[in-house]
Amino acid sequence: MSRPLHSRLRGLIGQHYRYLSDEWVLIDILSEEDRLVLQKADPHALPSLQNDQYGQARRMTSETLTLPISSPDDPDSYSEELMLLFQGRLPQTEA
């Protein structure tokens, strides 16, 4: 996918989505890996252990999920996972 698309996706950081029955927040776009990062938004969820680069559990953190931006079959098309995520966009709430 093109860099301009990644730039446009950056504008969605902080948006909430319903994906696979859970609420997630878009927290980052990894341009080099052509992926986006979601963090589980449930404040009552127990944090999970996060491993360091050596596989050692080092800290507790909210669950995260990465999704491909581009389709593996056509790099100029969105991935199915991204399309499913966008279908579950939740309305912005006032703080």
Foldseek 3Di string as FASTA:
>chain_A
DDPVVLVVVVVQAQFWFQAPNFIWGFHAQDVVQQKTKIFTPDPPDFFDFDADPVRHGDDTDTDMDIDHQADPVDRVHGHPRVVRRVVGTDDDDDD
